[in-house]
Amino acid sequence: MKLIRFGEPGREEPGVLLDDGRRVDASGQFHDYDEGFFAFGGMEALEAWVADGCPEGDELPLNVRIGPPVDRPSKIVCVGQNYADHAKELGGQVPAEPVIFMKAGSAWSGPFDDVARPPGSEKLDYEVELAVVIGRTACRVSEREALDYVAGFSVFCDYSERAFQKEMGGQWTKGKSCDGFAPMGPALTPVGEVSDPQGLRLWCKVNGAMRQNGWTGDMIFGVAFLVSYISRFMSLLPGDVIATGTPGGVGGGMKPPKFLAPGDSVACGIEGLGEMRQRIVQG
């Protein structure tokens, strides 16, 4: 079982992707996959409903839009330079501690939505990442207990406008937060269905050509450490998302750089979690 949401942007409803491939409407039983759902036993109730055969749940039509698998989170916490090859390809040093930055909630978007290249952008880039969704409030939790606070995992693409990020002064946020720059999906895989979050292959293709091809085991700081570390500085609320960094192969690290242009297609996937695809359009 995986969690999905469907419908028009901002009006999505909850559903489930079953092991046999069927997509079932869960909105008759659950309001949404939001902070309250995760905080008050929603995952356990959903699993029980699915085990009971999804009573009164209709199968979804094939042409329905799939949105991000959780409601817009209170915060999207991102980890920069968390793969050594990525840090080096962009001219950085391997960090001694996690590099943390935030992505605006208004960047939240679905796994198959178009991504608009902002006006004035000439250095739009991609970053496939493993996303961690928090299942219960985490505040100063230990690394040993950290995975107990995780609801599940998904595929994330940290779109970045490198000129906005690095050439305009200040922090990275403005190069990371344009509308549509935080697609996630196509589903949320419960933590219990991922045997080892550090044993997953992740990849990104642009126009069908492989650009990134890595393993989550190559992270400098693993998932459990990141949850524990970030929870020292802020409370992580149910439904919050941590984007755990990207492997080498981004457009800005190529020689010469190969940035995205309108008409390009970007596909990001993680073994066992699914694949999403965006088309780049001019904003």
C-alpha atoms as a PDB file:
ATOM      1  CA  MET A   1       0.000   0.000   0.000  1.00  0.00           C
ATOM      2  CA  LYS A   2       1.124   3.499  -0.880  1.00  0.00           C
ATOM      3  CA  LEU A   3      -0.559   6.839  -0.204  1.00  0.00           C
ATOM      4  CA  ILE A   4      -1.621   9.026  -3.134  1.00  0.00           C
ATOM      5  CA  ARG A   5      -3.683  12.194  -3.544  1.00  0.00           C
ATOM      6  CA  PHE A   6      -5.718  13.089  -6.595  1.00  0.00           C
ATOM      7  CA  GLY A   7      -7.713  15.974  -8.052  1.00  0.00           C
ATOM      8  CA  GLU A   8      -7.160  19.584  -9.002  1.00  0.00           C
ATOM      9  CA  PRO A   9      -4.259  21.548  -7.456  1.00  0.00           C
ATOM     10  CA  GLY A  10      -5.159  22.735  -3.974  1.00  0.00           C
ATOM     11  CA  ARG A  11      -8.265  20.519  -3.889  1.00  0.00           C
ATOM     12  CA  GLU A  12      -6.685  17.066  -3.795  1.00  0.00           C
ATOM     13  CA  GLU A  13      -8.328  14.165  -1.986  1.00  0.00           C
ATOM     14  CA  PRO A  14      -6.728  11.079  -0.421  1.00  0.00           C
ATOM     15  CA  GLY A  15      -6.387   7.718  -2.091  1.00  0.00           C
ATOM     16  CA  VAL A  16      -4.302   4.574  -1.987  1.00  0.00           C
ATOM     17  CA  LEU A  17      -2.214   2.701  -4.535  1.00  0.00           C
ATOM     18  CA  LEU A  18      -2.700  -0.996  -3.835  1.00  0.00           C
ATOM     19  CA  ASP A  19      -0.111  -3.698  -4.350  1.00  0.00           C
ATOM     20  CA  ASP A  20      -2.033  -4.986  -7.398  1.00  0.00           C
ATOM     21  CA  GLY A  21      -1.772  -1.563  -9.078  1.00  0.00           C
ATOM     22  CA  ARG A  22      -5.333  -0.380  -8.449  1.00  0.00           C
ATOM     23  CA  ARG A  23      -5.816   3.202  -7.282  1.00  0.00           C
ATOM     24  CA  VAL A  24      -8.683   3.601  -4.812  1.00  0.00           C
ATOM     25  CA  ASP A  25     -10.486   6.701  -3.525  1.00  0.00           C
ATOM     26  CA  ALA A  26     -10.136   6.942   0.274  1.00  0.00           C
ATOM     27  CA  SER A  27     -11.888  10.317   0.682  1.00  0.00           C
ATOM     28  CA  GLY A  28     -15.029   8.713   2.079  1.00  0.00           C
ATOM     29  CA  GLN A  29     -13.039   7.560   5.101  1.00  0.00           C
ATOM     30  CA  PHE A  30     -10.222  10.128   5.479  1.00  0.00           C
ATOM     31  CA  HIS A  31     -10.225  13.915   5.125  1.00  0.00           C
ATOM     32  CA  ASP A  32      -6.655  14.329   3.852  1.00  0.00           C
ATOM     33  CA  TYR A  33      -3.082  13.242   4.438  1.00  0.00           C
ATOM     34  CA  ASP A  34      -2.147  16.236   6.552  1.00  0.00           C
ATOM     35  CA  GLU A  35      -0.657  17.021   9.951  1.00  0.00           C
ATOM     36  CA  GLY A  36      -3.749  15.801  11.804  1.00  0.00           C
ATOM     37  CA  PHE A  37      -3.875  12.546   9.856  1.00  0.00           C
ATOM     38  CA  PHE A  38      -0.320  11.589  10.780  1.00  0.00           C
ATOM     39  CA  ALA A  39      -0.539  12.911  14.352  1.00  0.00           C
ATOM     40  CA  PHE A  40      -3.692  11.059  15.346  1.00  0.00           C
ATOM     41  CA  GLY A  41      -3.247   7.524  14.098  1.00  0.00           C
ATOM     42  CA  GLY A  42      -4.251   8.006  10.491  1.00  0.00           C
ATOM     43  CA  MET A  43      -1.641   5.650   9.085  1.00  0.00           C
ATOM     44  CA  GLU A  44      -2.782   2.801  11.319  1.00  0.00           C
ATOM     45  CA  ALA A  45      -6.444   3.460  10.444  1.00  0.00           C
ATOM     46  CA  LEU A  46      -5.642   3.567   6.728  1.00  0.00           C
ATOM     47  CA  GLU A  47      -3.737   0.296   6.896  1.00  0.00           C
ATOM     48  CA  ALA A  48      -6.694  -1.327   8.684  1.00  0.00           C
ATOM     49  CA  TRP A  49      -9.115   0.012   6.044  1.00  0.00           C
ATOM     50  CA  VAL A  50      -6.979  -1.391   3.238  1.00  0.00           C
ATOM     51  CA  ALA A  51      -6.618  -4.739   5.012  1.00  0.00           C
ATOM     52  CA  ASP A  52     -10.431  -4.837   5.207  1.00  0.00           C
ATOM     53  CA  GLY A  53     -10.667  -4.490   1.434  1.00  0.00           C
ATOM     54  CA  CYS A  54     -11.210  -0.709   1.145  1.00  0.00           C
ATOM     55  CA  PRO A  55     -14.972  -0.838   1.824  1.00  0.00           C
ATOM     56  CA  GLU A  56     -16.933   1.822  -0.120  1.00  0.00           C
ATOM     57  CA  GLY A  57     -13.744   2.900  -1.893  1.00  0.00           C
ATOM     58  CA  ASP A  58     -14.179   3.402  -5.638  1.00  0.00           C
ATOM     59  CA  GLU A  59     -11.405   2.760  -8.120  1.00  0.00           C
ATOM     60  CA  LEU A  60     -10.012   5.966  -9.617  1.00  0.00           C
ATOM     61  CA  PRO A  61     -10.206   6.711 -13.345  1.00  0.00           C
ATOM     62  CA  LEU A  62      -6.981   6.386 -15.293  1.00  0.00           C
ATOM     63  CA  ASN A  63      -6.948  10.044 -16.362  1.00  0.00           C
ATOM     64  CA  VAL A  64      -7.222  11.583 -12.897  1.00  0.00           C
ATOM     65  CA  ARG A  65      -4.500  14.064 -11.942  1.00  0.00           C
ATOM     66  CA  ILE A  66      -2.150  12.787  -9.226  1.00  0.00           C
ATOM     67  CA  GLY A  67      -1.044  15.454  -6.764  1.00  0.00           C
ATOM     68  CA  PRO A  68       1.683  15.433  -4.116  1.00  0.00           C
ATOM     69  CA  PRO A  69       1.039  12.505  -1.740  1.00  0.00           C
ATOM     70  CA  VAL A  70       0.727  14.671   1.382  1.00  0.00           C
ATOM     71  CA  ASP A  71      -0.952  18.003   1.969  1.00  0.00           C
ATOM     72  CA  ARG A  72       1.333  21.034   1.813  1.00  0.00           C
ATOM     73  CA  PRO A  73       3.639  20.635   4.838  1.00  0.00           C
ATOM     74  CA  SER A  74       4.359  23.227   7.496  1.00  0.00           C
ATOM     75  CA  LYS A  75       7.946  23.219   6.244  1.00  0.00           C
ATOM     76  CA  ILE A  76      10.190  21.676   3.602  1.00  0.00           C
ATOM     77  CA  VAL A  77      13.660  21.244   5.072  1.00  0.00           C
ATOM     78  CA  CYS A  78      16.412  20.573   2.532  1.00  0.00           C
ATOM     79  CA  VAL A  79      19.922  19.218   2.959  1.00  0.00           C
ATOM     80  CA  GLY A  80      22.584  20.599   0.644  1.00  0.00           C
ATOM     81  CA  GLN A  81      25.795  18.921  -0.485  1.00  0.00           C
ATOM     82  CA  ASN A  82      24.914  15.609   1.158  1.00  0.00           C
ATOM     83  CA  TYR A  83      26.663  13.505  -1.501  1.00  0.00           C
ATOM     84  CA  ALA A  84      30.402  14.048  -1.860  1.00  0.00           C
ATOM     85  CA  ASP A  85      30.342  13.897  -5.669  1.00  0.00           C
ATOM     86  CA  HIS A  86      27.665  16.611  -5.820  1.00  0.00           C
ATOM     87  CA  ALA A  87      29.518  18.889  -3.401  1.00  0.00           C
ATOM     88  CA  LYS A  88      32.680  18.565  -5.482  1.00  0.00           C
ATOM     89  CA  GLU A  89      31.006  19.050  -8.879  1.00  0.00           C
ATOM     90  CA  LEU A  90      29.685  22.446  -7.756  1.00  0.00           C
ATOM     91  CA  GLY A  91      33.025  23.486  -6.301  1.00  0.00           C
ATOM     92  CA  GLY A  92      32.199  22.961  -2.642  1.00  0.00           C
ATOM     93  CA  GLN A  93      33.914  21.107   0.168  1.00  0.00           C
ATOM     94  CA  VAL A  94      32.479  18.014   1.806  1.00  0.00           C
ATOM     95  CA  PRO A  95      30.637  19.526   4.796  1.00  0.00           C
ATOM     96  CA  ALA A  96      31.539  18.649   8.371  1.00  0.00           C
ATOM     97  CA  GLU A  97      27.890  19.057   9.409  1.00  0.00           C
ATOM     98  CA  PRO A  98      24.657  18.990   7.382  1.00  0.00           C
ATOM     99  CA  VAL A  99      23.996  22.093   5.270  1.00  0.00           C
ATOM    100  CA  ILE A 100      20.376  23.014   5.983  1.00  0.00           C
ATOM    101  CA  PHE A 101      18.113  25.372   4.056  1.00  0.00           C
ATOM    102  CA  MET A 102      14.377  25.835   3.571  1.00  0.00           C
ATOM    103  CA  LYS A 103      12.171  25.702   0.509  1.00  0.00           C
ATOM    104  CA  ALA A 104       8.968  27.781   0.436  1.00  0.00           C
ATOM    105  CA  GLY A 105       5.722  25.871   0.869  1.00  0.00           C
ATOM    106  CA  SER A 106       4.322  27.692  -2.169  1.00  0.00           C
ATOM    107  CA  ALA A 107       6.795  25.693  -4.301  1.00  0.00           C
ATOM    108  CA  TRP A 108       4.855  22.498  -3.460  1.00  0.00           C
ATOM    109  CA  SER A 109       3.536  20.707  -6.549  1.00  0.00           C
ATOM    110  CA  GLY A 110       2.461  17.379  -7.981  1.00  0.00           C
ATOM    111  CA  PRO A 111       4.684  14.689  -9.483  1.00  0.00           C
ATOM    112  CA  PHE A 112       3.495  15.227 -13.060  1.00  0.00           C
ATOM    113  CA  ASP A 113       2.796  18.965 -13.043  1.00  0.00           C
ATOM    114  CA  ASP A 114       4.610  21.285 -15.434  1.00  0.00           C
ATOM    115  CA  VAL A 115       7.508  23.287 -14.007  1.00  0.00           C
ATOM    116  CA  ALA A 116       7.606  26.907 -15.190  1.00  0.00           C
ATOM    117  CA  ARG A 117      11.024  28.412 -15.815  1.00  0.00           C
ATOM    118  CA  PRO A 118      10.744  31.808 -14.098  1.00  0.00           C
ATOM    119  CA  PRO A 119      11.115  35.032 -16.090  1.00  0.00           C
ATOM    120  CA  GLY A 120      14.789  35.945 -16.218  1.00  0.00           C
ATOM    121  CA  SER A 121      15.925  32.403 -15.496  1.00  0.00           C
ATOM    122  CA  GLU A 122      18.726  30.940 -17.602  1.00  0.00           C
ATOM    123  CA  LYS A 123      20.189  28.390 -15.160  1.00  0.00           C
ATOM    124  CA  LEU A 124      17.319  26.110 -14.179  1.00  0.00           C
ATOM    125  CA  ASP A 125      18.627  22.835 -12.723  1.00  0.00           C
ATOM    126  CA  TYR A 126      17.304  19.522 -11.358  1.00  0.00           C
ATOM    127  CA  GLU A 127      18.156  17.478  -8.247  1.00  0.00           C
ATOM    128  CA  VAL A 128      16.576  14.077  -7.571  1.00  0.00           C
ATOM    129  CA  GLU A 129      16.287  13.400  -3.832  1.00  0.00           C
ATOM    130  CA  LEU A 130      14.887  10.940  -1.317  1.00  0.00           C
ATOM    131  CA  ALA A 131      12.128  12.695   0.643  1.00  0.00           C
ATOM    132  CA  VAL A 132      11.397  11.798   4.257  1.00  0.00           C
ATOM    133  CA  VAL A 133       7.912  12.534   5.622  1.00  0.00           C
ATOM    134  CA  ILE A 134       7.643  12.956   9.387  1.00  0.00           C
ATOM    135  CA  GLY A 135       4.960  10.899  11.150  1.00  0.00           C
ATOM    136  CA  ARG A 136       4.920  12.411  14.632  1.00  0.00           C
ATOM    137  CA  THR A 137       6.368  15.460  16.311  1.00  0.00           C
ATOM    138  CA  ALA A 138      10.138  15.134  16.590  1.00  0.00           C
ATOM    139  CA  CYS A 139      11.988  17.447  18.954  1.00  0.00           C
ATOM    140  CA  ARG A 140      15.572  16.641  19.958  1.00  0.00           C
ATOM    141  CA  VAL A 141      15.201  12.941  19.179  1.00  0.00           C
ATOM    142  CA  SER A 142      18.125  10.543  19.227  1.00  0.00           C
ATOM    143  CA  GLU A 143      19.572   9.040  16.071  1.00  0.00           C
ATOM    144  CA  ARG A 144      18.734   5.591  17.429  1.00  0.00           C
ATOM    145  CA  GLU A 145      15.037   6.464  17.700  1.00  0.00           C
ATOM    146  CA  ALA A 146      14.800   8.790  14.688  1.00  0.00           C
ATOM    147  CA  LEU A 147      13.208   6.364  12.219  1.00  0.00           C
ATOM    148  CA  ASP A 148      10.371   5.809  14.697  1.00  0.00           C
ATOM    149  CA  TYR A 149       9.303   9.381  13.861  1.00  0.00           C
ATOM    150  CA  VAL A 150       9.169   8.787  10.097  1.00  0.00           C
ATOM    151  CA  ALA A 151       5.871   8.080   8.317  1.00  0.00           C
ATOM    152  CA  GLY A 152       7.374   7.177   4.970  1.00  0.00           C
ATOM    153  CA  PHE A 153       9.424   8.057   1.918  1.00  0.00           C
ATOM    154  CA  SER A 154       8.856   9.544  -1.510  1.00  0.00           C
ATOM    155  CA  VAL A 155      10.619  10.910  -4.601  1.00  0.00           C
ATOM    156  CA  PHE A 156      11.447  14.628  -4.602  1.00  0.00           C
ATOM    157  CA  CYS A 157      13.019  16.983  -7.130  1.00  0.00           C
ATOM    158  CA  ASP A 158      14.727  20.064  -5.726  1.00  0.00           C
ATOM    159  CA  TYR A 159      14.499  22.365  -8.742  1.00  0.00           C
ATOM    160  CA  SER A 160      17.001  25.214  -8.474  1.00  0.00           C
ATOM    161  CA  GLU A 161      17.673  28.397 -10.404  1.00  0.00           C
ATOM    162  CA  ARG A 162      21.444  28.585  -9.957  1.00  0.00           C
ATOM    163  CA  ALA A 163      21.809  32.282 -10.805  1.00  0.00           C
ATOM    164  CA  PHE A 164      19.099  33.211  -8.289  1.00  0.00           C
ATOM    165  CA  GLN A 165      20.727  30.840  -5.782  1.00  0.00           C
ATOM    166  CA  LYS A 166      24.391  31.771  -6.112  1.00  0.00           C
ATOM    167  CA  GLU A 167      24.841  34.983  -8.091  1.00  0.00           C
ATOM    168  CA  MET A 168      22.385  37.359  -6.431  1.00  0.00           C
ATOM    169  CA  GLY A 169      23.719  37.456  -2.867  1.00  0.00           C
ATOM    170  CA  GLY A 170      22.157  36.252   0.357  1.00  0.00           C
ATOM    171  CA  GLN A 171      20.985  32.747   1.094  1.00  0.00           C
ATOM    172  CA  TRP A 172      19.922  29.943  -1.257  1.00  0.00           C
ATOM    173  CA  THR A 173      16.193  30.194  -0.590  1.00  0.00           C
ATOM    174  CA  LYS A 174      15.285  32.477  -3.493  1.00  0.00           C
ATOM    175  CA  GLY A 175      16.879  30.099  -5.990  1.00  0.00           C
ATOM    176  CA  LYS A 176      14.988  27.157  -4.535  1.00  0.00           C
ATOM    177  CA  SER A 177      11.475  28.457  -3.911  1.00  0.00           C
ATOM    178  CA  CYS A 178       9.866  29.484  -7.207  1.00  0.00           C
ATOM    179  CA  ASP A 179       6.380  28.112  -7.804  1.00  0.00           C
ATOM    180  CA  GLY A 180       6.543  24.458  -8.816  1.00  0.00           C
ATOM    181  CA  PHE A 181      10.108  23.932  -7.604  1.00  0.00           C
ATOM    182  CA  ALA A 182       9.135  21.225  -5.051  1.00  0.00           C
ATOM    183  CA  PRO A 183       7.333  18.354  -6.793  1.00  0.00           C
ATOM    184  CA  MET A 184       6.958  15.148  -4.783  1.00  0.00           C
ATOM    185  CA  GLY A 185       5.425  11.773  -5.525  1.00  0.00           C
ATOM    186  CA  PRO A 186       3.891   9.904  -7.126  1.00  0.00           C
ATOM    187  CA  ALA A 187       3.168   8.203  -3.792  1.00  0.00           C
ATOM    188  CA  LEU A 188       4.205   8.012  -0.154  1.00  0.00           C
ATOM    189  CA  THR A 189       5.620   4.599   0.722  1.00  0.00           C
ATOM    190  CA  PRO A 190       5.143   3.759   4.436  1.00  0.00           C
ATOM    191  CA  VAL A 191       8.351   3.424   6.413  1.00  0.00           C
ATOM    192  CA  GLY A 192       7.641  -0.231   7.175  1.00  0.00           C
ATOM    193  CA  GLU A 193       7.773  -1.075   3.458  1.00  0.00           C
ATOM    194  CA  VAL A 194      11.316   0.286   3.034  1.00  0.00           C
ATOM    195  CA  SER A 195      13.778  -2.165   4.525  1.00  0.00           C
ATOM    196  CA  ASP A 196      16.751   0.202   4.337  1.00  0.00           C
ATOM    197  CA  PRO A 197      16.475   3.889   3.351  1.00  0.00           C
ATOM    198  CA  GLN A 198      20.247   3.862   2.728  1.00  0.00           C
ATOM    199  CA  GLY A 199      19.978   1.055   0.185  1.00  0.00           C
ATOM    200  CA  LEU A 200      17.954   2.674  -2.603  1.00  0.00           C
ATOM    201  CA  ARG A 201      18.972   3.532  -6.155  1.00  0.00           C
ATOM    202  CA  LEU A 202      17.881   6.985  -7.333  1.00  0.00           C
ATOM    203  CA  TRP A 203      18.149   8.524 -10.786  1.00  0.00           C
ATOM    204  CA  CYS A 204      17.231  11.480 -12.960  1.00  0.00           C
ATOM    205  CA  LYS A 205      16.834  11.540 -16.744  1.00  0.00           C
ATOM    206  CA  VAL A 206      16.546  14.617 -18.966  1.00  0.00           C
ATOM    207  CA  ASN A 207      14.868  13.992 -22.317  1.00  0.00           C
ATOM    208  CA  GLY A 208      15.455  10.284 -21.755  1.00  0.00           C
ATOM    209  CA  ALA A 209      19.204  10.585 -21.149  1.00  0.00           C
ATOM    210  CA  MET A 210      20.544   9.511 -17.754  1.00  0.00           C
ATOM    211  CA  ARG A 211      22.031  12.454 -15.851  1.00  0.00           C
ATOM    212  CA  GLN A 212      22.065  11.229 -12.238  1.00  0.00           C
ATOM    213  CA  ASN A 213      22.449   7.627 -11.123  1.00  0.00           C
ATOM    214  CA  GLY A 214      23.302   7.112  -7.463  1.00  0.00           C
ATOM    215  CA  TRP A 215      22.602   5.277  -4.205  1.00  0.00           C
ATOM    216  CA  THR A 216      21.207   6.661  -0.972  1.00  0.00           C
ATOM    217  CA  GLY A 217      23.985   4.739   0.769  1.00  0.00           C
ATOM    218  CA  ASP A 218      26.373   7.364  -0.597  1.00  0.00           C
ATOM    219  CA  MET A 219      24.839  10.091   1.567  1.00  0.00           C
ATOM    220  CA  ILE A 220      27.365  11.789   3.814  1.00  0.00           C
ATOM    221  CA  PHE A 221      24.706  12.016   6.534  1.00  0.00           C
ATOM    222  CA  GLY A 222      22.079   9.261   6.591  1.00  0.00           C
ATOM    223  CA  VAL A 223      18.344   9.589   7.126  1.00  0.00           C
ATOM    224  CA  ALA A 224      18.328   8.748  10.850  1.00  0.00           C
ATOM    225  CA  PHE A 225      21.145  11.191  11.545  1.00  0.00           C
ATOM    226  CA  LEU A 226      19.389  13.950   9.580  1.00  0.00           C
ATOM    227  CA  VAL A 227      16.085  13.562  11.420  1.00  0.00           C
ATOM    228  CA  SER A 228      17.909  13.645  14.745  1.00  0.00           C
ATOM    229  CA  TYR A 229      20.166  16.545  13.753  1.00  0.00           C
ATOM    230  CA  ILE A 230      17.426  18.776  12.334  1.00  0.00           C
ATOM    231  CA  SER A 231      15.176  18.109  15.335  1.00  0.00           C
ATOM    232  CA  ARG A 232      17.825  19.758  17.525  1.00  0.00           C
ATOM    233  CA  PHE A 233      17.112  23.110  15.883  1.00  0.00           C
ATOM    234  CA  MET A 234      13.366  22.966  15.134  1.00  0.00           C
ATOM    235  CA  SER A 235      10.406  20.770  15.945  1.00  0.00           C
ATOM    236  CA  LEU A 236       9.559  18.574  12.997  1.00  0.00           C
ATOM    237  CA  LEU A 237       5.775  18.294  12.759  1.00  0.00           C
ATOM    238  CA  PRO A 238       3.730  15.443  11.327  1.00  0.00           C
ATOM    239  CA  GLY A 239       3.646  15.784   7.554  1.00  0.00           C
ATOM    240  CA  ASP A 240       6.846  17.853   7.359  1.00  0.00           C
ATOM    241  CA  VAL A 241       9.235  16.922   4.557  1.00  0.00           C
ATOM    242  CA  ILE A 242      13.014  16.543   4.647  1.00  0.00           C
ATOM    243  CA  ALA A 243      14.709  16.449   1.228  1.00  0.00           C
ATOM    244  CA  THR A 244      17.935  14.578   1.891  1.00  0.00           C
ATOM    245  CA  GLY A 245      20.248  15.833  -0.864  1.00  0.00           C
ATOM    246  CA  THR A 246      21.195  14.835  -4.400  1.00  0.00           C
ATOM    247  CA  PRO A 247      23.971  12.760  -6.004  1.00  0.00           C
ATOM    248  CA  GLY A 248      26.315  14.084  -8.669  1.00  0.00           C
ATOM    249  CA  GLY A 249      25.227  14.730 -12.233  1.00  0.00           C
ATOM    250  CA  VAL A 250      23.287  17.984 -12.010  1.00  0.00           C
ATOM    251  CA  GLY A 251      23.299  20.276 -15.032  1.00  0.00           C
ATOM    252  CA  GLY A 252      25.329  22.970 -13.291  1.00  0.00           C
ATOM    253  CA  GLY A 253      28.137  20.506 -12.628  1.00  0.00           C
ATOM    254  CA  MET A 254      28.611  19.480 -16.259  1.00  0.00           C
ATOM    255  CA  LYS A 255      31.310  20.939 -18.462  1.00  0.00           C
ATOM    256  CA  PRO A 256      29.931  22.967 -20.086  1.00  0.00           C
ATOM    257  CA  PRO A 257      26.817  23.304 -17.891  1.00  0.00           C
ATOM    258  CA  LYS A 258      23.584  21.909 -19.321  1.00  0.00           C
ATOM    259  CA  PHE A 259      20.648  23.754 -17.824  1.00  0.00           C
ATOM    260  CA  LEU A 260      16.967  23.085 -18.474  1.00  0.00           C
ATOM    261  CA  ALA A 261      14.991  24.859 -21.190  1.00  0.00           C
ATOM    262  CA  PRO A 262      11.299  24.970 -22.103  1.00  0.00           C
ATOM    263  CA  GLY A 263      10.296  21.746 -23.799  1.00  0.00           C
ATOM    264  CA  ASP A 264      12.660  19.570 -21.760  1.00  0.00           C
ATOM    265  CA  SER A 265      11.315  16.554 -19.885  1.00  0.00           C
ATOM    266  CA  VAL A 266      12.705  15.588 -16.467  1.00  0.00           C
ATOM    267  CA  ALA A 267      12.090  12.137 -14.957  1.00  0.00           C
ATOM    268  CA  CYS A 268      13.122  11.353 -11.370  1.00  0.00           C
ATOM    269  CA  GLY A 269      12.825   7.946  -9.747  1.00  0.00           C
ATOM    270  CA  ILE A 270      13.804   5.922  -6.704  1.00  0.00           C
ATOM    271  CA  GLU A 271      13.870   2.144  -6.555  1.00  0.00           C
ATOM    272  CA  GLY A 272      10.660   0.841  -5.000  1.00  0.00           C
ATOM    273  CA  LEU A 273       9.160   4.304  -4.493  1.00  0.00           C
ATOM    274  CA  GLY A 274       8.158   5.185  -8.056  1.00  0.00           C
ATOM    275  CA  GLU A 275       8.978   7.703 -10.754  1.00  0.00           C
ATOM    276  CA  MET A 276       7.681  11.178 -11.525  1.00  0.00           C
ATOM    277  CA  ARG A 277       8.032  13.351 -14.599  1.00  0.00           C
ATOM    278  CA  GLN A 278       7.794  17.090 -15.267  1.00  0.00           C
ATOM    279  CA  ARG A 279       7.762  19.115 -18.464  1.00  0.00           C
ATOM    280  CA  ILE A 280       9.601  22.436 -18.437  1.00  0.00           C
ATOM    281  CA  VAL A 281       7.543  25.364 -19.728  1.00  0.00           C
ATOM    282  CA  GLN A 282       8.269  29.089 -19.927  1.00  0.00           C
ATOM    283  CA  GLY A 283       6.850  31.065 -17.026  1.00  0.00           C
END
